[in-house]
Amino acid sequence: MPTRTAAVASRVGLHARPASLFVQAATATGLAVTIARAGGVPVDARSILLVMGLGARHGDEVVLEAHGEGAETALDALVQLLQTDHDA
Protein backbone atom coordinates (compact mmCIF):
# COMPACT_ATOMS: atom_id res chain seq x y z
CA MET A 1 0.00 0.00 0.00
CA PRO A 2 1.47 3.33 -1.06
CA THR A 3 2.31 5.90 1.62
CA ARG A 4 3.60 9.46 1.62
CA THR A 5 4.79 11.85 4.31
CA ALA A 6 4.12 15.58 4.07
CA ALA A 7 4.56 18.66 6.23
CA VAL A 8 1.46 20.81 6.69
CA ALA A 9 2.23 24.20 5.11
CA SER A 10 -0.91 26.19 5.93
CA ARG A 11 -0.29 28.65 8.75
CA VAL A 12 -3.41 27.54 10.64
CA GLY A 13 -2.69 23.84 10.10
CA LEU A 14 -5.44 21.49 8.95
CA HIS A 15 -8.35 23.61 10.11
CA ALA A 16 -11.26 25.24 8.28
CA ARG A 17 -10.38 26.02 4.66
CA PRO A 18 -7.19 23.90 4.31
CA ALA A 19 -8.91 20.88 5.86
CA SER A 20 -11.94 21.35 3.62
CA LEU A 21 -9.80 21.54 0.48
CA PHE A 22 -7.86 18.44 1.54
CA VAL A 23 -11.01 16.42 2.33
CA GLN A 24 -12.61 17.40 -0.98
CA ALA A 25 -9.48 16.30 -2.86
CA ALA A 26 -9.23 13.02 -0.91
CA THR A 27 -12.89 12.28 -1.61
CA ALA A 28 -12.49 13.11 -5.30
CA THR A 29 -9.84 10.38 -5.67
CA GLY A 30 -12.51 7.71 -5.16
CA LEU A 31 -9.98 5.77 -3.08
CA ALA A 32 -9.79 4.77 0.56
CA VAL A 33 -7.33 7.38 1.87
CA THR A 34 -6.13 7.74 5.45
CA ILE A 35 -4.14 10.47 7.18
CA ALA A 36 -2.32 10.38 10.51
CA ARG A 37 0.00 12.62 12.43
CA ALA A 38 3.45 11.04 12.52
CA GLY A 39 3.21 8.14 14.98
CA GLY A 40 -0.55 8.59 15.38
CA VAL A 41 -3.61 6.57 14.52
CA PRO A 42 -4.78 6.89 10.89
CA VAL A 43 -8.22 8.37 10.23
CA ASP A 44 -10.40 8.53 7.12
CA ALA A 45 -9.13 11.46 5.04
CA ARG A 46 -12.63 11.87 3.54
CA SER A 47 -14.09 13.02 6.87
CA ILE A 48 -13.77 16.72 7.71
CA LEU A 49 -14.41 16.07 11.41
CA LEU A 50 -11.73 13.36 11.64
CA VAL A 51 -9.18 15.40 9.70
CA MET A 52 -9.75 18.50 11.84
CA GLY A 53 -9.69 16.28 14.94
CA LEU A 54 -6.07 15.36 14.20
CA GLY A 55 -5.06 18.82 15.37
CA ALA A 56 -2.28 18.96 12.75
CA ARG A 57 -0.53 22.32 12.96
CA HIS A 58 1.75 24.23 10.63
CA GLY A 59 4.93 22.22 10.12
CA ASP A 60 3.54 18.95 11.54
CA GLU A 61 4.31 15.85 9.52
CA VAL A 62 1.41 13.68 8.45
CA VAL A 63 1.41 10.26 6.83
CA LEU A 64 -1.00 9.47 4.00
CA GLU A 65 -1.97 6.02 2.76
CA ALA A 66 -4.23 5.04 -0.12
CA HIS A 67 -5.55 1.77 -1.51
CA GLY A 68 -6.58 1.08 -5.07
CA GLU A 69 -5.66 1.77 -8.65
CA GLY A 70 -4.05 5.17 -9.07
CA ALA A 71 -3.09 5.45 -5.40
CA GLU A 72 0.46 6.66 -6.15
CA THR A 73 -0.76 9.53 -8.33
CA ALA A 74 -3.53 10.45 -5.89
CA LEU A 75 -1.11 10.58 -2.96
CA ASP A 76 1.31 12.77 -4.91
CA ALA A 77 -1.49 15.27 -5.56
CA LEU A 78 -2.62 15.22 -1.92
CA VAL A 79 0.94 15.80 -0.70
CA GLN A 80 1.25 18.79 -3.01
CA LEU A 81 -2.00 20.16 -1.61
CA LEU A 82 -0.78 19.78 1.99
CA GLN A 83 2.54 21.41 1.18
CA THR A 84 0.82 24.56 -0.12
CA ASP A 85 -0.05 27.40 2.26
CA HIS A 86 -3.76 27.97 1.62
CA ASP A 87 -3.86 30.81 4.14
CA ALA A 88 -1.52 33.13 2.25
C-alpha atoms as a PDB file:
ATOM      1  CA  MET A   1       0.000   0.000   0.000  1.00  0.00           C
ATOM      2  CA  PRO A   2       1.472   3.331  -1.057  1.00  0.00           C
ATOM      3  CA  THR A   3       2.311   5.898   1.616  1.00  0.00           C
ATOM      4  CA  ARG A   4       3.599   9.459   1.618  1.00  0.00           C
ATOM      5  CA  THR A   5       4.785  11.851   4.312  1.00  0.00           C
ATOM      6  CA  ALA A   6       4.121  15.576   4.067  1.00  0.00           C
ATOM      7  CA  ALA A   7       4.563  18.659   6.231  1.00  0.00           C
ATOM      8  CA  VAL A   8       1.460  20.813   6.695  1.00  0.00           C
ATOM      9  CA  ALA A   9       2.233  24.201   5.114  1.00  0.00           C
ATOM     10  CA  SER A  10      -0.914  26.190   5.932  1.00  0.00           C
ATOM     11  CA  ARG A  11      -0.289  28.655   8.752  1.00  0.00           C
ATOM     12  CA  VAL A  12      -3.410  27.543  10.640  1.00  0.00           C
ATOM     13  CA  GLY A  13      -2.692  23.839  10.101  1.00  0.00           C
ATOM     14  CA  LEU A  14      -5.438  21.485   8.951  1.00  0.00           C
ATOM     15  CA  HIS A  15      -8.345  23.613  10.110  1.00  0.00           C
ATOM     16  CA  ALA A  16     -11.260  25.241   8.282  1.00  0.00           C
ATOM     17  CA  ARG A  17     -10.382  26.022   4.660  1.00  0.00           C
ATOM     18  CA  PRO A  18      -7.193  23.903   4.309  1.00  0.00           C
ATOM     19  CA  ALA A  19      -8.911  20.884   5.856  1.00  0.00           C
ATOM     20  CA  SER A  20     -11.941  21.348   3.619  1.00  0.00           C
ATOM     21  CA  LEU A  21      -9.795  21.544   0.478  1.00  0.00           C
ATOM     22  CA  PHE A  22      -7.865  18.437   1.542  1.00  0.00           C
ATOM     23  CA  VAL A  23     -11.010  16.417   2.335  1.00  0.00           C
ATOM     24  CA  GLN A  24     -12.609  17.396  -0.979  1.00  0.00           C
ATOM     25  CA  ALA A  25      -9.481  16.302  -2.855  1.00  0.00           C
ATOM     26  CA  ALA A  26      -9.225  13.025  -0.906  1.00  0.00           C
ATOM     27  CA  THR A  27     -12.890  12.279  -1.607  1.00  0.00           C
ATOM     28  CA  ALA A  28     -12.493  13.106  -5.299  1.00  0.00           C
ATOM     29  CA  THR A  29      -9.843  10.380  -5.668  1.00  0.00           C
ATOM     30  CA  GLY A  30     -12.513   7.714  -5.163  1.00  0.00           C
ATOM     31  CA  LEU A  31      -9.981   5.774  -3.081  1.00  0.00           C
ATOM     32  CA  ALA A  32      -9.788   4.767   0.559  1.00  0.00           C
ATOM     33  CA  VAL A  33      -7.328   7.382   1.868  1.00  0.00           C
ATOM     34  CA  THR A  34      -6.132   7.744   5.451  1.00  0.00           C
ATOM     35  CA  ILE A  35      -4.143  10.475   7.182  1.00  0.00           C
ATOM     36  CA  ALA A  36      -2.324  10.385  10.507  1.00  0.00           C
ATOM     37  CA  ARG A  37       0.004  12.620  12.435  1.00  0.00           C
ATOM     38  CA  ALA A  38       3.451  11.044  12.524  1.00  0.00           C
ATOM     39  CA  GLY A  39       3.214   8.145  14.979  1.00  0.00           C
ATOM     40  CA  GLY A  40      -0.546   8.594  15.377  1.00  0.00           C
ATOM     41  CA  VAL A  41      -3.614   6.568  14.520  1.00  0.00           C
ATOM     42  CA  PRO A  42      -4.776   6.886  10.885  1.00  0.00           C
ATOM     43  CA  VAL A  43      -8.218   8.371  10.227  1.00  0.00           C
ATOM     44  CA  ASP A  44     -10.401   8.531   7.119  1.00  0.00           C
ATOM     45  CA  ALA A  45      -9.134  11.462   5.036  1.00  0.00           C
ATOM     46  CA  ARG A  46     -12.626  11.867   3.537  1.00  0.00           C
ATOM     47  CA  SER A  47     -14.087  13.015   6.867  1.00  0.00           C
ATOM     48  CA  ILE A  48     -13.766  16.718   7.714  1.00  0.00           C
ATOM     49  CA  LEU A  49     -14.405  16.070  11.406  1.00  0.00           C
ATOM     50  CA  LEU A  50     -11.732  13.361  11.641  1.00  0.00           C
ATOM     51  CA  VAL A  51      -9.178  15.403   9.699  1.00  0.00           C
ATOM     52  CA  MET A  52      -9.749  18.496  11.840  1.00  0.00           C
ATOM     53  CA  GLY A  53      -9.693  16.278  14.936  1.00  0.00           C
ATOM     54  CA  LEU A  54      -6.074  15.362  14.195  1.00  0.00           C
ATOM     55  CA  GLY A  55      -5.056  18.819  15.374  1.00  0.00           C
ATOM     56  CA  ALA A  56      -2.276  18.959  12.754  1.00  0.00           C
ATOM     57  CA  ARG A  57      -0.526  22.323  12.961  1.00  0.00           C
ATOM     58  CA  HIS A  58       1.753  24.233  10.628  1.00  0.00           C
ATOM     59  CA  GLY A  59       4.931  22.216  10.121  1.00  0.00           C
ATOM     60  CA  ASP A  60       3.542  18.954  11.544  1.00  0.00           C
ATOM     61  CA  GLU A  61       4.314  15.850   9.522  1.00  0.00           C
ATOM     62  CA  VAL A  62       1.405  13.684   8.450  1.00  0.00           C
ATOM     63  CA  VAL A  63       1.405  10.259   6.834  1.00  0.00           C
ATOM     64  CA  LEU A  64      -0.996   9.469   3.998  1.00  0.00           C
ATOM     65  CA  GLU A  65      -1.972   6.017   2.759  1.00  0.00           C
ATOM     66  CA  ALA A  66      -4.227   5.036  -0.118  1.00  0.00           C
ATOM     67  CA  HIS A  67      -5.550   1.774  -1.508  1.00  0.00           C
ATOM     68  CA  GLY A  68      -6.578   1.077  -5.075  1.00  0.00           C
ATOM     69  CA  GLU A  69      -5.659   1.772  -8.650  1.00  0.00           C
ATOM     70  CA  GLY A  70      -4.047   5.170  -9.066  1.00  0.00           C
ATOM     71  CA  ALA A  71      -3.088   5.449  -5.398  1.00  0.00           C
ATOM     72  CA  GLU A  72       0.458   6.658  -6.147  1.00  0.00           C
ATOM     73  CA  THR A  73      -0.760   9.533  -8.326  1.00  0.00           C
ATOM     74  CA  ALA A  74      -3.531  10.447  -5.887  1.00  0.00           C
ATOM     75  CA  LEU A  75      -1.107  10.585  -2.961  1.00  0.00           C
ATOM     76  CA  ASP A  76       1.313  12.768  -4.906  1.00  0.00           C
ATOM     77  CA  ALA A  77      -1.492  15.273  -5.560  1.00  0.00           C
ATOM     78  CA  LEU A  78      -2.619  15.216  -1.916  1.00  0.00           C
ATOM     79  CA  VAL A  79       0.943  15.797  -0.700  1.00  0.00           C
ATOM     80  CA  GLN A  80       1.253  18.786  -3.006  1.00  0.00           C
ATOM     81  CA  LEU A  81      -2.004  20.158  -1.606  1.00  0.00           C
ATOM     82  CA  LEU A  82      -0.785  19.778   1.986  1.00  0.00           C
ATOM     83  CA  GLN A  83       2.538  21.405   1.185  1.00  0.00           C
ATOM     84  CA  THR A  84       0.822  24.555  -0.118  1.00  0.00           C
ATOM     85  CA  ASP A  85      -0.048  27.404   2.263  1.00  0.00           C
ATOM     86  CA  HIS A  86      -3.759  27.972   1.619  1.00  0.00           C
ATOM     87  CA  ASP A  87      -3.856  30.809   4.137  1.00  0.00           C
ATOM     88  CA  ALA A  88      -1.520  33.127   2.252  1.00  0.00           C
END
